Each structure stands twice: as C-alpha cells, then as structure tokens.
PDB file of all heavy atoms in Angstrom:
ATOM      1  N   LYS A   1      30.210  88.767 -15.185  1.00  0.00           N
ATOM      2  CA  LYS A   1      29.799  87.532 -15.796  1.00  0.00           C
ATOM      3  C   LYS A   1      28.388  87.197 -15.333  1.00  0.00           C
ATOM      4  O   LYS A   1      27.851  87.936 -14.518  1.00  0.00           O
ATOM      5  CB  LYS A   1      30.871  86.488 -15.760  1.00  0.00           C
ATOM      6  CG  LYS A   1      32.056  86.728 -16.627  1.00  0.00           C
ATOM      7  CD  LYS A   1      32.933  85.637 -16.731  1.00  0.00           C
ATOM      8  CE  LYS A   1      34.067  85.924 -17.727  1.00  0.00           C
ATOM      9  NZ  LYS A   1      34.969  84.760 -17.918  1.00  0.00           N
ATOM     10  N   GLY A   2      28.011  85.939 -15.629  1.00  0.00           N
ATOM     11  CA  GLY A   2      26.694  85.356 -15.316  1.00  0.00           C
ATOM     12  C   GLY A   2      25.941  85.921 -14.063  1.00  0.00           C
ATOM     13  O   GLY A   2      24.998  86.621 -14.202  1.00  0.00           O
ATOM     14  N   ASP A   3      26.509  85.493 -12.916  1.00  0.00           N
ATOM     15  CA  ASP A   3      25.797  85.841 -11.606  1.00  0.00           C
ATOM     16  C   ASP A   3      25.720  87.359 -11.378  1.00  0.00           C
ATOM     17  O   ASP A   3      24.731  87.962 -10.905  1.00  0.00           O
ATOM     18  CB  ASP A   3      26.385  85.204 -10.433  1.00  0.00           C
ATOM     19  CG  ASP A   3      25.837  83.691 -10.292  1.00  0.00           C
ATOM     20  OD1 ASP A   3      24.692  83.549 -10.657  1.00  0.00           O
ATOM     21  OD2 ASP A   3      26.586  82.911  -9.763  1.00  0.00           O
ATOM     22  N   GLU A   4      26.836  88.113 -11.771  1.00  0.00           N
ATOM     23  CA  GLU A   4      26.909  89.498 -11.545  1.00  0.00           C
ATOM     24  C   GLU A   4      25.950  90.269 -12.555  1.00  0.00           C
ATOM     25  O   GLU A   4      25.237  91.204 -12.139  1.00  0.00           O
ATOM     26  CB  GLU A   4      28.282  90.106 -11.759  1.00  0.00           C
ATOM     27  CG  GLU A   4      28.491  91.498 -11.281  1.00  0.00           C
ATOM     28  CD  GLU A   4      29.881  91.976 -11.397  1.00  0.00           C
ATOM     29  OE1 GLU A   4      30.846  91.100 -11.397  1.00  0.00           O
ATOM     30  OE2 GLU A   4      30.092  93.112 -11.326  1.00  0.00           O
ATOM     31  N   LEU A   5      25.903  89.791 -13.779  1.00  0.00           N
ATOM     32  CA  LEU A   5      24.950  90.272 -14.764  1.00  0.00           C
ATOM     33  C   LEU A   5      23.470  90.140 -14.313  1.00  0.00           C
ATOM     34  O   LEU A   5      22.652  90.925 -14.451  1.00  0.00           O
ATOM     35  CB  LEU A   5      25.231  89.794 -16.155  1.00  0.00           C
ATOM     36  CG  LEU A   5      26.562  90.364 -16.797  1.00  0.00           C
ATOM     37  CD1 LEU A   5      26.732  89.570 -18.169  1.00  0.00           C
ATOM     38  CD2 LEU A   5      26.436  91.804 -17.006  1.00  0.00           C
ATOM     39  N   TYR A   6      23.338  88.863 -13.745  1.00  0.00           N
ATOM     40  CA  TYR A   6      21.950  88.588 -13.291  1.00  0.00           C
ATOM     41  C   TYR A   6      21.556  89.553 -12.192  1.00  0.00           C
ATOM     42  O   TYR A   6      20.421  90.013 -12.267  1.00  0.00           O
ATOM     43  CB  TYR A   6      21.893  87.088 -12.710  1.00  0.00           C
ATOM     44  CG  TYR A   6      20.614  86.721 -12.225  1.00  0.00           C
ATOM     45  CD1 TYR A   6      19.603  86.174 -13.121  1.00  0.00           C
ATOM     46  CD2 TYR A   6      20.328  86.754 -10.883  1.00  0.00           C
ATOM     47  CE1 TYR A   6      18.409  85.786 -12.584  1.00  0.00           C
ATOM     48  CE2 TYR A   6      19.133  86.432 -10.457  1.00  0.00           C
ATOM     49  CZ  TYR A   6      18.116  85.928 -11.190  1.00  0.00           C
ATOM     50  OH  TYR A   6      16.927  85.531 -10.715  1.00  0.00           O
ATOM     51  N   SER A   7      22.483  89.777 -11.242  1.00  0.00           N
ATOM     52  CA  SER A   7      22.160  90.703 -10.143  1.00  0.00           C
ATOM     53  C   SER A   7      21.777  92.093 -10.685  1.00  0.00           C
ATOM     54  O   SER A   7      20.964  92.836 -10.142  1.00  0.00           O
ATOM     55  CB  SER A   7      23.325  90.767  -9.125  1.00  0.00           C
ATOM     56  OG  SER A   7      23.458  89.494  -8.520  1.00  0.00           O
ATOM     57  N   THR A   8      22.578  92.569 -11.616  1.00  0.00           N
ATOM     58  CA  THR A   8      22.456  93.857 -12.270  1.00  0.00           C
ATOM     59  C   THR A   8      21.074  93.929 -12.914  1.00  0.00           C
ATOM     60  O   THR A   8      20.289  94.905 -12.759  1.00  0.00           O
ATOM     61  CB  THR A   8      23.547  94.200 -13.158  1.00  0.00           C
ATOM     62  OG1 THR A   8      24.880  94.202 -12.418  1.00  0.00           O
ATOM     63  CG2 THR A   8      23.370  95.563 -13.875  1.00  0.00           C
ATOM     64  N   LEU A   9      20.854  92.830 -13.747  1.00  0.00           N
ATOM     65  CA  LEU A   9      19.563  92.766 -14.493  1.00  0.00           C
ATOM     66  C   LEU A   9      18.390  92.880 -13.632  1.00  0.00           C
ATOM     67  O   LEU A   9      17.383  93.537 -14.003  1.00  0.00           O
ATOM     68  CB  LEU A   9      19.502  91.543 -15.334  1.00  0.00           C
ATOM     69  CG  LEU A   9      18.321  91.349 -16.236  1.00  0.00           C
ATOM     70  CD1 LEU A   9      18.303  92.422 -17.279  1.00  0.00           C
ATOM     71  CD2 LEU A   9      18.438  89.966 -16.925  1.00  0.00           C
ATOM     72  N   PHE A  10      18.411  92.326 -12.405  1.00  0.00           N
ATOM     73  CA  PHE A  10      17.237  92.240 -11.537  1.00  0.00           C
ATOM     74  C   PHE A  10      17.489  93.097 -10.285  1.00  0.00           C
ATOM     75  O   PHE A  10      16.943  92.793  -9.232  1.00  0.00           O
ATOM     76  CB  PHE A  10      16.919  90.759 -11.130  1.00  0.00           C
ATOM     77  CG  PHE A  10      16.443  90.047 -12.395  1.00  0.00           C
ATOM     78  CD1 PHE A  10      17.169  89.046 -12.948  1.00  0.00           C
ATOM     79  CD2 PHE A  10      15.163  90.298 -12.904  1.00  0.00           C
ATOM     80  CE1 PHE A  10      16.718  88.327 -14.074  1.00  0.00           C
ATOM     81  CE2 PHE A  10      14.816  89.668 -14.099  1.00  0.00           C
ATOM     82  CZ  PHE A  10      15.531  88.691 -14.588  1.00  0.00           C
ATOM     83  N   SER A  11      18.244  94.114 -10.339  1.00  0.00           N
ATOM     84  CA  SER A  11      18.507  95.060  -9.259  1.00  0.00           C
ATOM     85  C   SER A  11      17.198  95.806  -8.950  1.00  0.00           C
ATOM     86  O   SER A  11      16.995  96.272  -7.807  1.00  0.00           O
ATOM     87  CB  SER A  11      19.592  95.927  -9.529  1.00  0.00           C
ATOM     88  OG  SER A  11      19.380  96.783 -10.596  1.00  0.00           O
ATOM     89  N   PHE A  12      16.307  95.881  -9.900  1.00  0.00           N
ATOM     90  CA  PHE A  12      14.909  96.391  -9.645  1.00  0.00           C
ATOM     91  C   PHE A  12      13.936  95.302 -10.000  1.00  0.00           C
ATOM     92  O   PHE A  12      14.241  94.508 -10.938  1.00  0.00           O
ATOM     93  CB  PHE A  12      14.723  97.622 -10.581  1.00  0.00           C
ATOM     94  CG  PHE A  12      15.520  98.845 -10.111  1.00  0.00           C
ATOM     95  CD1 PHE A  12      16.813  99.057 -10.759  1.00  0.00           C
ATOM     96  CD2 PHE A  12      15.154  99.632  -8.982  1.00  0.00           C
ATOM     97  CE1 PHE A  12      17.537 100.059 -10.393  1.00  0.00           C
ATOM     98  CE2 PHE A  12      16.046 100.620  -8.650  1.00  0.00           C
ATOM     99  CZ  PHE A  12      17.289 100.937  -9.310  1.00  0.00           C
ATOM    100  N   GLU A  13      12.677  95.366  -9.457  1.00  0.00           N
ATOM    101  CA  GLU A  13      11.734  94.344  -9.833  1.00  0.00           C
ATOM    102  C   GLU A  13      11.408  94.348 -11.406  1.00  0.00           C
ATOM    103  O   GLU A  13      11.237  95.289 -11.952  1.00  0.00           O
ATOM    104  CB  GLU A  13      10.511  94.635  -9.054  1.00  0.00           C
ATOM    105  CG  GLU A  13       9.379  93.511  -9.112  1.00  0.00           C
ATOM    106  CD  GLU A  13       9.868  92.291  -8.438  1.00  0.00           C
ATOM    107  OE1 GLU A  13      10.664  92.252  -7.537  1.00  0.00           O
ATOM    108  OE2 GLU A  13       9.286  91.233  -8.938  1.00  0.00           O
ATOM    109  N   PRO A  14      11.445  93.103 -11.961  1.00  0.00           N
ATOM    110  CA  PRO A  14      11.160  93.057 -13.421  1.00  0.00           C
ATOM    111  C   PRO A  14       9.738  93.378 -13.706  1.00  0.00           C
ATOM    112  O   PRO A  14       8.851  93.305 -12.763  1.00  0.00           O
ATOM    113  CB  PRO A  14      11.447  91.615 -13.808  1.00  0.00           C
ATOM    114  CG  PRO A  14      11.335  90.902 -12.539  1.00  0.00           C
ATOM    115  CD  PRO A  14      11.825  91.882 -11.391  1.00  0.00           C
ATOM    116  N   ILE A  15       9.394  93.690 -14.900  1.00  0.00           N
ATOM    117  CA  ILE A  15       8.010  94.030 -15.342  1.00  0.00           C
ATOM    118  C   ILE A  15       7.632  92.950 -16.260  1.00  0.00           C
ATOM    119  O   ILE A  15       8.329  92.566 -17.262  1.00  0.00           O
ATOM    120  CB  ILE A  15       8.088  95.397 -16.038  1.00  0.00           C
ATOM    121  CG1 ILE A  15       8.376  96.481 -15.123  1.00  0.00           C
ATOM    122  CG2 ILE A  15       6.603  95.705 -16.697  1.00  0.00           C
ATOM    123  CD1 ILE A  15       8.611  97.815 -15.830  1.00  0.00           C
ATOM    124  N   ASP A  16       6.452  92.281 -15.961  1.00  0.00           N
ATOM    125  CA  ASP A  16       5.895  91.349 -16.819  1.00  0.00           C
ATOM    126  C   ASP A  16       5.218  91.991 -17.983  1.00  0.00           C
ATOM    127  O   ASP A  16       4.445  92.872 -17.895  1.00  0.00           O
ATOM    128  CB  ASP A  16       4.736  90.487 -16.032  1.00  0.00           C
ATOM    129  CG  ASP A  16       5.460  89.473 -15.143  1.00  0.00           C
ATOM    130  OD1 ASP A  16       6.665  89.078 -15.281  1.00  0.00           O
ATOM    131  OD2 ASP A  16       4.658  88.926 -14.164  1.00  0.00           O
ATOM    132  N   TRP A  17       5.537  91.439 -19.225  1.00  0.00           N
ATOM    133  CA  TRP A  17       4.947  91.832 -20.348  1.00  0.00           C
ATOM    134  C   TRP A  17       3.711  91.217 -20.710  1.00  0.00           C
ATOM    135  O   TRP A  17       3.598  89.921 -20.545  1.00  0.00           O
ATOM    136  CB  TRP A  17       5.886  91.730 -21.534  1.00  0.00           C
ATOM    137  CG  TRP A  17       5.371  92.253 -22.810  1.00  0.00           C
ATOM    138  CD1 TRP A  17       5.054  91.464 -23.936  1.00  0.00           C
ATOM    139  CD2 TRP A  17       4.975  93.527 -23.292  1.00  0.00           C
ATOM    140  NE1 TRP A  17       4.561  92.223 -24.923  1.00  0.00           N
ATOM    141  CE2 TRP A  17       4.548  93.576 -24.506  1.00  0.00           C
ATOM    142  CE3 TRP A  17       5.008  94.782 -22.537  1.00  0.00           C
ATOM    143  CZ2 TRP A  17       4.034  94.638 -25.166  1.00  0.00           C
ATOM    144  CZ3 TRP A  17       4.552  95.979 -23.168  1.00  0.00           C
ATOM    145  CH2 TRP A  17       4.112  95.859 -24.453  1.00  0.00           C
ATOM    146  N   ASN A  18       2.644  91.848 -21.124  1.00  0.00           N
ATOM    147  CA  ASN A  18       1.358  91.301 -21.501  1.00  0.00           C
ATOM    148  C   ASN A  18       1.023  91.769 -22.769  1.00  0.00           C
ATOM    149  O   ASN A  18       0.963  92.914 -23.109  1.00  0.00           O
ATOM    150  CB  ASN A  18       0.423  91.617 -20.389  1.00  0.00           C
ATOM    151  CG  ASN A  18      -0.764  90.636 -20.366  1.00  0.00           C
ATOM    152  OD1 ASN A  18      -1.373  90.323 -21.414  1.00  0.00           O
ATOM    153  ND2 ASN A  18      -0.969  89.997 -19.222  1.00  0.00           N
ATOM    154  N   ARG A  19       0.540  90.851 -23.551  1.00  0.00           N
ATOM    155  CA  ARG A  19       0.044  91.252 -24.967  1.00  0.00           C
ATOM    156  C   ARG A  19      -1.485  91.650 -24.999  1.00  0.00           C
ATOM    157  O   ARG A  19      -1.984  92.092 -25.980  1.00  0.00           O
ATOM    158  CB  ARG A  19       0.202  90.066 -25.950  1.00  0.00           C
ATOM    159  CG  ARG A  19       1.717  89.807 -26.258  1.00  0.00           C
ATOM    160  CD  ARG A  19       1.887  88.632 -27.104  1.00  0.00           C
ATOM    161  NE  ARG A  19       3.213  88.472 -27.495  1.00  0.00           N
ATOM    162  CZ  ARG A  19       4.193  87.992 -26.830  1.00  0.00           C
ATOM    163  NH1 ARG A  19       4.060  87.636 -25.646  1.00  0.00           N
ATOM    164  NH2 ARG A  19       5.445  87.916 -27.375  1.00  0.00           N
ATOM    165  N   ILE A  20      -2.253  91.350 -23.933  1.00  0.00           N
ATOM    166  CA  ILE A  20      -3.682  91.609 -23.903  1.00  0.00           C
ATOM    167  C   ILE A  20      -3.958  93.022 -23.481  1.00  0.00           C
ATOM    168  O   ILE A  20      -3.381  93.506 -22.444  1.00  0.00           O
ATOM    169  CB  ILE A  20      -4.407  90.576 -22.948  1.00  0.00           C
ATOM    170  CG1 ILE A  20      -4.140  89.165 -23.434  1.00  0.00           C
ATOM    171  CG2 ILE A  20      -5.857  90.898 -22.738  1.00  0.00           C
ATOM    172  CD1 ILE A  20      -4.491  88.160 -22.340  1.00  0.00           C
ATOM    173  N   GLY A  21      -4.668  93.691 -24.292  1.00  0.00           N
ATOM    174  CA  GLY A  21      -4.975  95.162 -24.166  1.00  0.00           C
ATOM    175  C   GLY A  21      -4.852  95.776 -22.753  1.00  0.00           C
ATOM    176  O   GLY A  21      -3.916  96.590 -22.514  1.00  0.00           O
ATOM    177  N   ALA A  22      -5.844  95.508 -21.975  1.00  0.00           N
ATOM    178  CA  ALA A  22      -5.953  96.163 -20.723  1.00  0.00           C
ATOM    179  C   ALA A  22      -4.708  95.865 -19.788  1.00  0.00           C
ATOM    180  O   ALA A  22      -4.192  96.683 -19.081  1.00  0.00           O
ATOM    181  CB  ALA A  22      -7.209  95.895 -20.003  1.00  0.00           C
ATOM    182  N   PHE A  23      -4.248  94.677 -19.904  1.00  0.00           N
ATOM    183  CA  PHE A  23      -3.118  94.260 -19.108  1.00  0.00           C
ATOM    184  C   PHE A  23      -1.808  94.808 -19.620  1.00  0.00           C
ATOM    185  O   PHE A  23      -0.953  95.182 -18.898  1.00  0.00           O
ATOM    186  CB  PHE A  23      -3.002  92.705 -19.058  1.00  0.00           C
ATOM    187  CG  PHE A  23      -4.157  92.046 -18.477  1.00  0.00           C
ATOM    188  CD1 PHE A  23      -5.033  91.189 -19.144  1.00  0.00           C
ATOM    189  CD2 PHE A  23      -4.467  92.223 -17.092  1.00  0.00           C
ATOM    190  CE1 PHE A  23      -6.135  90.628 -18.533  1.00  0.00           C
ATOM    191  CE2 PHE A  23      -5.588  91.625 -16.432  1.00  0.00           C
ATOM    192  CZ  PHE A  23      -6.433  90.855 -17.220  1.00  0.00           C
ATOM    193  N   GLN A  24      -1.768  94.930 -20.878  1.00  0.00           N
ATOM    194  CA  GLN A  24      -0.687  95.614 -21.611  1.00  0.00           C
ATOM    195  C   GLN A  24      -0.560  97.067 -21.177  1.00  0.00           C
ATOM    196  O   GLN A  24       0.600  97.590 -21.036  1.00  0.00           O
ATOM    197  CB  GLN A  24      -0.676  95.519 -23.159  1.00  0.00           C
ATOM    198  CG  GLN A  24       0.529  96.013 -23.781  1.00  0.00           C
ATOM    199  CD  GLN A  24       0.453  95.873 -25.273  1.00  0.00           C
ATOM    200  OE1 GLN A  24       0.026  96.764 -25.961  1.00  0.00           O
ATOM    201  NE2 GLN A  24       0.854  94.742 -25.870  1.00  0.00           N
ATOM    202  N   ASP A  25      -1.737  97.713 -20.929  1.00  0.00           N
ATOM    203  CA  ASP A  25      -1.757  99.071 -20.428  1.00  0.00           C
ATOM    204  C   ASP A  25      -0.941  99.204 -19.159  1.00  0.00           C
ATOM    205  O   ASP A  25      -0.233 100.165 -18.932  1.00  0.00           O
ATOM    206  CB  ASP A  25      -3.062  99.503 -20.291  1.00  0.00           C
ATOM    207  CG  ASP A  25      -3.879  99.746 -21.669  1.00  0.00           C
ATOM    208  OD1 ASP A  25      -3.148  99.832 -22.644  1.00  0.00           O
ATOM    209  OD2 ASP A  25      -5.012  99.982 -21.615  1.00  0.00           O
ATOM    210  N   VAL A  26      -1.173  98.196 -18.314  1.00  0.00           N
ATOM    211  CA  VAL A  26      -0.455  98.213 -17.012  1.00  0.00           C
ATOM    212  C   VAL A  26       1.027  97.952 -17.159  1.00  0.00           C
ATOM    213  O   VAL A  26       1.872  98.738 -16.639  1.00  0.00           O
ATOM    214  CB  VAL A  26      -0.993  96.984 -16.028  1.00  0.00           C
ATOM    215  CG1 VAL A  26      -0.243  96.936 -14.786  1.00  0.00           C
ATOM    216  CG2 VAL A  26      -2.510  97.354 -15.780  1.00  0.00           C
ATOM    217  N   SER A  27       1.362  97.048 -18.069  1.00  0.00           N
ATOM    218  CA  SER A  27       2.857  96.870 -18.386  1.00  0.00           C
ATOM    219  C   SER A  27       3.415  98.157 -18.866  1.00  0.00           C
ATOM    220  O   SER A  27       4.565  98.568 -18.433  1.00  0.00           O
ATOM    221  CB  SER A  27       2.993  95.756 -19.357  1.00  0.00           C
ATOM    222  OG  SER A  27       2.643  94.522 -18.934  1.00  0.00           O
ATOM    223  N   MET A  28       2.747  98.847 -19.772  1.00  0.00           N
ATOM    224  CA  MET A  28       3.358 100.088 -20.461  1.00  0.00           C
ATOM    225  C   MET A  28       3.381 101.181 -19.316  1.00  0.00           C
ATOM    226  O   MET A  28       4.384 102.016 -19.406  1.00  0.00           O
ATOM    227  CB  MET A  28       2.444 100.538 -21.585  1.00  0.00           C
ATOM    228  CG  MET A  28       2.573  99.637 -22.787  1.00  0.00           C
ATOM    229  SD  MET A  28       4.326  99.454 -23.409  1.00  0.00           S
ATOM    230  CE  MET A  28       4.860 101.113 -23.516  1.00  0.00           C
ATOM    231  N   ARG A  29       2.400 101.222 -18.396  1.00  0.00           N
ATOM    232  CA  ARG A  29       2.526 102.367 -17.451  1.00  0.00           C
ATOM    233  C   ARG A  29       3.674 102.136 -16.567  1.00  0.00           C
ATOM    234  O   ARG A  29       4.497 103.076 -16.183  1.00  0.00           O
ATOM    235  CB  ARG A  29       1.224 102.361 -16.591  1.00  0.00           C
ATOM    236  CG  ARG A  29       1.228 103.426 -15.525  1.00  0.00           C
ATOM    237  CD  ARG A  29       0.034 103.378 -14.653  1.00  0.00           C
ATOM    238  NE  ARG A  29       0.198 104.317 -13.588  1.00  0.00           N
ATOM    239  CZ  ARG A  29      -0.246 105.552 -13.505  1.00  0.00           C
ATOM    240  NH1 ARG A  29      -1.059 106.053 -14.438  1.00  0.00           N
ATOM    241  NH2 ARG A  29      -0.043 106.186 -12.460  1.00  0.00           N
ATOM    242  N   LEU A  30       3.941 100.878 -16.160  1.00  0.00           N
ATOM    243  CA  LEU A  30       5.068 100.583 -15.288  1.00  0.00           C
ATOM    244  C   LEU A  30       6.367 100.840 -16.017  1.00  0.00           C
ATOM    245  O   LEU A  30       7.409 101.444 -15.441  1.00  0.00           O
ATOM    246  CB  LEU A  30       5.004  99.128 -14.885  1.00  0.00           C
ATOM    247  CG  LEU A  30       3.976  98.651 -13.958  1.00  0.00           C
ATOM    248  CD1 LEU A  30       3.837  97.139 -13.859  1.00  0.00           C
ATOM    249  CD2 LEU A  30       4.053  99.397 -12.581  1.00  0.00           C
ATOM    250  N   ILE A  31       6.503 100.552 -17.357  1.00  0.00           N
ATOM    251  CA  ILE A  31       7.702 100.832 -18.079  1.00  0.00           C
ATOM    252  C   ILE A  31       7.904 102.394 -18.206  1.00  0.00           C
ATOM    253  O   ILE A  31       8.998 102.927 -17.838  1.00  0.00           O
ATOM    254  CB  ILE A  31       7.623 100.275 -19.569  1.00  0.00           C
ATOM    255  CG1 ILE A  31       7.726  98.720 -19.365  1.00  0.00           C
ATOM    256  CG2 ILE A  31       8.685 100.779 -20.393  1.00  0.00           C
ATOM    257  CD1 ILE A  31       7.354  97.935 -20.712  1.00  0.00           C
ATOM    258  N   ALA A  32       6.878 103.080 -18.462  1.00  0.00           N
ATOM    259  CA  ALA A  32       6.994 104.541 -18.681  1.00  0.00           C
ATOM    260  C   ALA A  32       7.343 105.237 -17.212  1.00  0.00           C
ATOM    261  O   ALA A  32       8.119 106.092 -17.208  1.00  0.00           O
ATOM    262  CB  ALA A  32       5.573 105.116 -19.073  1.00  0.00           C
ATOM    263  N   GLU A  33       6.706 104.705 -16.139  1.00  0.00           N
ATOM    264  CA  GLU A  33       7.111 105.286 -14.892  1.00  0.00           C
ATOM    265  C   GLU A  33       8.594 105.078 -14.531  1.00  0.00           C
ATOM    266  O   GLU A  33       9.233 105.905 -13.980  1.00  0.00           O
ATOM    267  CB  GLU A  33       6.125 104.645 -13.834  1.00  0.00           C
ATOM    268  CG  GLU A  33       4.757 105.198 -13.751  1.00  0.00           C
ATOM    269  CD  GLU A  33       3.865 104.549 -12.760  1.00  0.00           C
ATOM    270  OE1 GLU A  33       4.158 103.553 -12.185  1.00  0.00           O
ATOM    271  OE2 GLU A  33       2.734 105.091 -12.537  1.00  0.00           O
ATOM    272  N   ARG A  34       9.030 103.795 -14.854  1.00  0.00           N
ATOM    273  CA  ARG A  34      10.526 103.485 -14.569  1.00  0.00           C
ATOM    274  C   ARG A  34      11.337 104.463 -15.420  1.00  0.00           C
ATOM    275  O   ARG A  34      12.447 104.948 -14.870  1.00  0.00           O
ATOM    276  CB  ARG A  34      10.823 102.078 -14.973  1.00  0.00           C
ATOM    277  CG  ARG A  34      10.190 101.070 -14.065  1.00  0.00           C
ATOM    278  CD  ARG A  34      11.184 100.648 -12.839  1.00  0.00           C
ATOM    279  NE  ARG A  34      10.470  99.672 -12.030  1.00  0.00           N
ATOM    280  CZ  ARG A  34      10.516  98.357 -12.350  1.00  0.00           C
ATOM    281  NH1 ARG A  34      11.384  97.839 -13.186  1.00  0.00           N
ATOM    282  NH2 ARG A  34      10.025  97.498 -11.509  1.00  0.00           N
ATOM    283  N   ILE A  35      11.061 104.672 -16.590  1.00  0.00           N
ATOM    284  CA  ILE A  35      11.804 105.574 -17.537  1.00  0.00           C
ATOM    285  C   ILE A  35      11.843 106.911 -16.900  1.00  0.00           C
ATOM    286  O   ILE A  35      12.871 107.604 -16.760  1.00  0.00           O
ATOM    287  CB  ILE A  35      11.355 105.527 -18.937  1.00  0.00           C
ATOM    288  CG1 ILE A  35      11.638 104.230 -19.610  1.00  0.00           C
ATOM    289  CG2 ILE A  35      12.017 106.661 -19.759  1.00  0.00           C
ATOM    290  CD1 ILE A  35      10.910 103.979 -20.908  1.00  0.00           C
ATOM    291  N   LEU A  36      10.695 107.440 -16.581  1.00  0.00           N
ATOM    292  CA  LEU A  36      10.574 108.806 -16.048  1.00  0.00           C
ATOM    293  C   LEU A  36      11.267 109.044 -14.698  1.00  0.00           C
ATOM    294  O   LEU A  36      11.787 110.023 -14.478  1.00  0.00           O
ATOM    295  CB  LEU A  36       9.143 109.166 -16.068  1.00  0.00           C
ATOM    296  CG  LEU A  36       8.435 109.448 -17.496  1.00  0.00           C
ATOM    297  CD1 LEU A  36       6.992 109.668 -17.238  1.00  0.00           C
ATOM    298  CD2 LEU A  36       9.173 110.512 -18.205  1.00  0.00           C
ATOM    299  N   GLU A  37      10.974 108.057 -13.793  1.00  0.00           N
ATOM    300  CA  GLU A  37      11.641 108.146 -12.452  1.00  0.00           C
ATOM    301  C   GLU A  37      13.062 108.166 -12.514  1.00  0.00           C
ATOM    302  O   GLU A  37      13.740 108.766 -11.805  1.00  0.00           O
ATOM    303  CB  GLU A  37      10.938 107.309 -11.487  1.00  0.00           C
ATOM    304  CG  GLU A  37      11.333 105.765 -11.638  1.00  0.00           C
ATOM    305  CD  GLU A  37      10.642 104.819 -10.714  1.00  0.00           C
ATOM    306  OE1 GLU A  37       9.478 105.297 -10.263  1.00  0.00           O
ATOM    307  OE2 GLU A  37      11.142 103.807 -10.461  1.00  0.00           O
ATOM    308  N   ARG A  38      13.654 107.447 -13.373  1.00  0.00           N
ATOM    309  CA  ARG A  38      15.081 107.346 -13.524  1.00  0.00           C
ATOM    310  C   ARG A  38      15.673 108.475 -14.121  1.00  0.00           C
ATOM    311  O   ARG A  38      16.742 108.966 -13.859  1.00  0.00           O
ATOM    312  CB  ARG A  38      15.512 106.120 -14.381  1.00  0.00           C
ATOM    313  CG  ARG A  38      15.076 104.784 -13.710  1.00  0.00           C
ATOM    314  CD  ARG A  38      16.325 103.931 -13.433  1.00  0.00           C
ATOM    315  NE  ARG A  38      16.070 102.842 -12.670  1.00  0.00           N
ATOM    316  CZ  ARG A  38      15.308 101.900 -12.968  1.00  0.00           C
ATOM    317  NH1 ARG A  38      14.569 101.922 -13.934  1.00  0.00           N
ATOM    318  NH2 ARG A  38      15.224 100.817 -12.088  1.00  0.00           N
ATOM    319  N   ASP A  39      14.934 109.229 -15.132  1.00  0.00           N
ATOM    320  CA  ASP A  39      15.466 110.258 -15.851  1.00  0.00           C
ATOM    321  C   ASP A  39      15.116 111.640 -15.205  1.00  0.00           C
ATOM    322  O   ASP A  39      15.758 112.620 -15.409  1.00  0.00           O
ATOM    323  CB  ASP A  39      14.956 110.313 -17.285  1.00  0.00           C
ATOM    324  CG  ASP A  39      15.604 109.171 -18.006  1.00  0.00           C
ATOM    325  OD1 ASP A  39      16.628 108.593 -17.686  1.00  0.00           O
ATOM    326  OD2 ASP A  39      14.950 108.752 -19.068  1.00  0.00           O
ATOM    327  N   ASP A  40      13.962 111.651 -14.411  1.00  0.00           N
ATOM    328  CA  ASP A  40      13.573 112.876 -13.828  1.00  0.00           C
ATOM    329  C   ASP A  40      13.264 112.568 -12.309  1.00  0.00           C
ATOM    330  O   ASP A  40      12.217 112.232 -11.973  1.00  0.00           O
ATOM    331  CB  ASP A  40      12.201 113.318 -14.599  1.00  0.00           C
ATOM    332  CG  ASP A  40      11.754 114.703 -14.020  1.00  0.00           C
ATOM    333  OD1 ASP A  40      12.398 115.253 -13.095  1.00  0.00           O
ATOM    334  OD2 ASP A  40      10.730 115.124 -14.543  1.00  0.00           O
ATOM    335  N   PRO A  41      14.258 112.929 -11.486  1.00  0.00           N
ATOM    336  CA  PRO A  41      14.118 112.679 -10.060  1.00  0.00           C
ATOM    337  C   PRO A  41      12.983 113.487  -9.391  1.00  0.00           C
ATOM    338  O   PRO A  41      12.527 113.093  -8.285  1.00  0.00           O
ATOM    339  CB  PRO A  41      15.456 113.116  -9.401  1.00  0.00           C
ATOM    340  CG  PRO A  41      16.093 113.880 -10.412  1.00  0.00           C
ATOM    341  CD  PRO A  41      15.536 113.676 -11.856  1.00  0.00           C
ATOM    342  N   THR A  42      12.456 114.498  -9.997  1.00  0.00           N
ATOM    343  CA  THR A  42      11.314 115.297  -9.408  1.00  0.00           C
ATOM    344  C   THR A  42       9.939 114.510  -9.740  1.00  0.00           C
ATOM    345  O   THR A  42       8.941 114.937  -9.179  1.00  0.00           O
ATOM    346  CB  THR A  42      11.185 116.666  -9.936  1.00  0.00           C
ATOM    347  OG1 THR A  42      10.927 116.612 -11.328  1.00  0.00           O
ATOM    348  CG2 THR A  42      12.521 117.383  -9.654  1.00  0.00           C
TER     349      THR A  42
END
C-alpha cells in the first residue's frame, strides 16, 4: 500500500521531465540509460 508503493516507486532517483528542447534531451538520455542498464547488465 501507500508507503510501501512509495518506497518502491522511489527506490531509484526519479528523473525530472522537461519540455524544453535541450533540457528534454537530458531527461531522455537519463530515461534511455535506465532502460538499457536495467535490461543489459553489460
């Protein structure tokens, strides 16, 4: 429930989403890196 789901949701540092071009590029890179590092340990 609440607190446990909160802990799970934030077990890794959250990524801030940005709608502005160059800043959004940073958000997207962080998202892509998280996907890749979780799926490909190498």
